[in-house]
Amino acid sequence: MSNIQIESDIKEILNRIEKRFDKVDEKFEKLDNKLDHLENKLDGKIDQLDKNFNDMNLRLAKVETKLDEGITPKLDTLGEQIKEIKGSQQAQIWTLIGILITAVGGFIVAVGRLVFVGNP
């Protein structure tokens, strides 16, 4: 048989392995702490974004309400003004028709007088 020499003691080898496991465990703990910190930071940012989004929705609702309150009466007023303009245009047209009838009637009377009575 061959002679194999073991230079290291088994306890020493096991201690080295245990130290390496401890180092790996420490690294995992550090990594876990970093991940927890990042998770908390991310949760805070998401909460802030959610709050900002809700604030924007409230502002948008207020703006829509103000627009509705401001535009609706103006549109109603504009509709009434258009009706008034249509009514005044119609009155102007009837006035013009009346003036034309009066002018034509006056012209016919003047021409008829000249024709029937003659030139004085």
Protein backbone atom coordinates (compact mmCIF):
# COMPACT_ATOMS: atom_id res chain seq x y z
CA MET A 1 0.00 0.00 0.00
CA SER A 2 0.96 3.52 -0.50
CA ASN A 3 1.80 5.88 2.20
CA ILE A 4 -0.41 8.97 2.26
CA GLN A 5 0.57 11.75 4.52
CA ILE A 6 -2.01 14.07 5.89
CA GLU A 7 -0.39 17.34 6.73
CA SER A 8 -3.47 19.04 8.11
CA ASP A 9 -5.53 18.03 11.00
CA ILE A 10 -9.22 17.28 10.32
CA LYS A 11 -10.25 19.82 12.95
CA GLU A 12 -8.30 22.52 11.14
CA ILE A 13 -9.96 21.66 7.84
CA LEU A 14 -13.40 21.70 9.43
CA ASN A 15 -12.60 25.07 11.05
CA ARG A 16 -11.65 26.51 7.65
CA ILE A 17 -14.86 25.20 6.12
CA GLU A 18 -16.87 26.62 9.02
CA LYS A 19 -15.18 30.03 8.63
CA ARG A 20 -16.03 30.05 4.95
CA PHE A 21 -19.64 29.20 5.72
CA ASP A 22 -19.66 32.01 8.28
CA LYS A 23 -18.32 34.45 5.66
CA VAL A 24 -20.94 33.33 3.16
CA ASP A 25 -23.61 33.69 5.85
CA GLU A 26 -22.39 37.24 6.65
CA LYS A 27 -22.50 38.15 2.97
CA PHE A 28 -26.06 36.83 2.71
CA GLU A 29 -27.06 38.83 5.79
CA LYS A 30 -25.55 42.01 4.28
CA LEU A 31 -27.31 41.33 1.01
CA ASP A 32 -30.59 40.67 2.84
CA ASN A 33 -30.22 43.96 4.75
CA LYS A 34 -29.54 45.84 1.53
CA LEU A 35 -32.58 44.26 -0.10
CA ASP A 36 -34.74 45.17 2.91
CA HIS A 37 -33.47 48.76 2.72
CA LEU A 38 -34.18 48.94 -1.01
CA GLU A 39 -37.63 47.43 -0.50
CA ASN A 40 -38.48 50.03 2.16
CA LYS A 41 -37.17 52.82 -0.04
CA LEU A 42 -39.17 51.55 -3.01
CA ASP A 43 -42.32 51.22 -0.90
CA GLY A 44 -41.90 54.84 0.22
CA LYS A 45 -41.52 56.03 -3.35
CA ILE A 46 -44.53 54.02 -4.51
CA ASP A 47 -46.61 55.46 -1.66
CA GLN A 48 -45.48 58.97 -2.64
CA LEU A 49 -46.37 58.34 -6.29
CA ASP A 50 -49.77 57.00 -5.25
CA LYS A 51 -50.38 60.10 -3.12
CA ASN A 52 -49.30 62.38 -5.99
CA PHE A 53 -51.58 60.50 -8.38
CA ASN A 54 -54.54 60.88 -6.02
CA ASP A 55 -53.77 64.60 -5.59
CA MET A 56 -53.69 65.02 -9.37
CA ASN A 57 -57.05 63.24 -9.69
CA LEU A 58 -58.55 65.58 -7.09
CA ARG A 59 -57.15 68.63 -8.88
CA LEU A 60 -58.47 67.37 -12.20
CA ALA A 61 -61.92 66.86 -10.70
CA LYS A 62 -61.86 70.40 -9.30
CA VAL A 63 -60.81 71.82 -12.67
CA GLU A 64 -63.57 69.88 -14.44
CA THR A 65 -66.11 71.19 -11.93
CA LYS A 66 -64.91 74.76 -12.35
CA LEU A 67 -65.01 74.42 -16.13
CA ASP A 68 -68.51 73.00 -16.01
CA GLU A 69 -69.63 75.76 -13.65
CA GLY A 70 -68.00 78.44 -15.78
CA ILE A 71 -68.85 77.22 -19.26
CA THR A 72 -72.44 76.05 -18.79
CA PRO A 73 -73.83 79.49 -17.82
CA LYS A 74 -71.82 81.12 -20.58
CA LEU A 75 -73.19 78.67 -23.13
CA ASP A 76 -76.71 79.31 -21.88
CA THR A 77 -76.15 83.06 -22.13
CA LEU A 78 -74.68 82.64 -25.60
CA GLY A 79 -77.75 80.66 -26.68
CA GLU A 80 -80.04 83.40 -25.41
CA GLN A 81 -77.99 86.04 -27.22
CA ILE A 82 -78.23 84.08 -30.47
CA LYS A 83 -82.02 83.89 -30.06
CA GLU A 84 -82.11 87.66 -29.47
CA ILE A 85 -79.98 88.27 -32.57
CA LYS A 86 -82.25 86.06 -34.66
CA GLY A 87 -85.27 87.91 -33.31
CA SER A 88 -83.75 91.33 -34.00
CA GLN A 89 -82.72 90.24 -37.51
CA GLN A 90 -86.25 89.09 -38.18
CA ALA A 91 -87.58 92.42 -36.92
CA GLN A 92 -85.11 94.28 -39.15
CA ILE A 93 -86.21 92.26 -42.17
CA TRP A 94 -89.89 93.05 -41.50
CA THR A 95 -88.99 96.72 -41.04
CA LEU A 96 -87.19 96.73 -44.40
CA ILE A 97 -90.16 95.02 -46.04
CA GLY A 98 -92.46 97.67 -44.56
CA ILE A 99 -90.22 100.48 -45.80
CA LEU A 100 -90.09 98.94 -49.28
CA ILE A 101 -93.88 98.55 -49.39
CA THR A 102 -94.30 102.16 -48.28
CA ALA A 103 -91.79 103.39 -50.87
CA VAL A 104 -93.34 101.33 -53.66
CA GLY A 105 -96.82 102.43 -52.57
CA GLY A 106 -95.72 106.08 -52.53
CA PHE A 107 -94.14 105.69 -55.96
CA ILE A 108 -97.32 104.12 -57.35
CA VAL A 109 -99.45 106.91 -55.87
CA ALA A 110 -97.14 109.56 -57.32
CA VAL A 111 -97.10 107.93 -60.76
CA GLY A 112 -100.87 107.41 -60.64
CA ARG A 113 -101.45 111.04 -59.74
CA LEU A 114 -99.30 112.18 -62.63
CA VAL A 115 -101.09 109.85 -65.01
CA PHE A 116 -104.63 110.65 -63.91
CA VAL A 117 -104.34 114.27 -62.88
CA GLY A 118 -101.65 115.38 -65.22
CA ASN A 119 -98.87 117.84 -64.72
CA PRO A 120 -100.14 121.01 -62.89
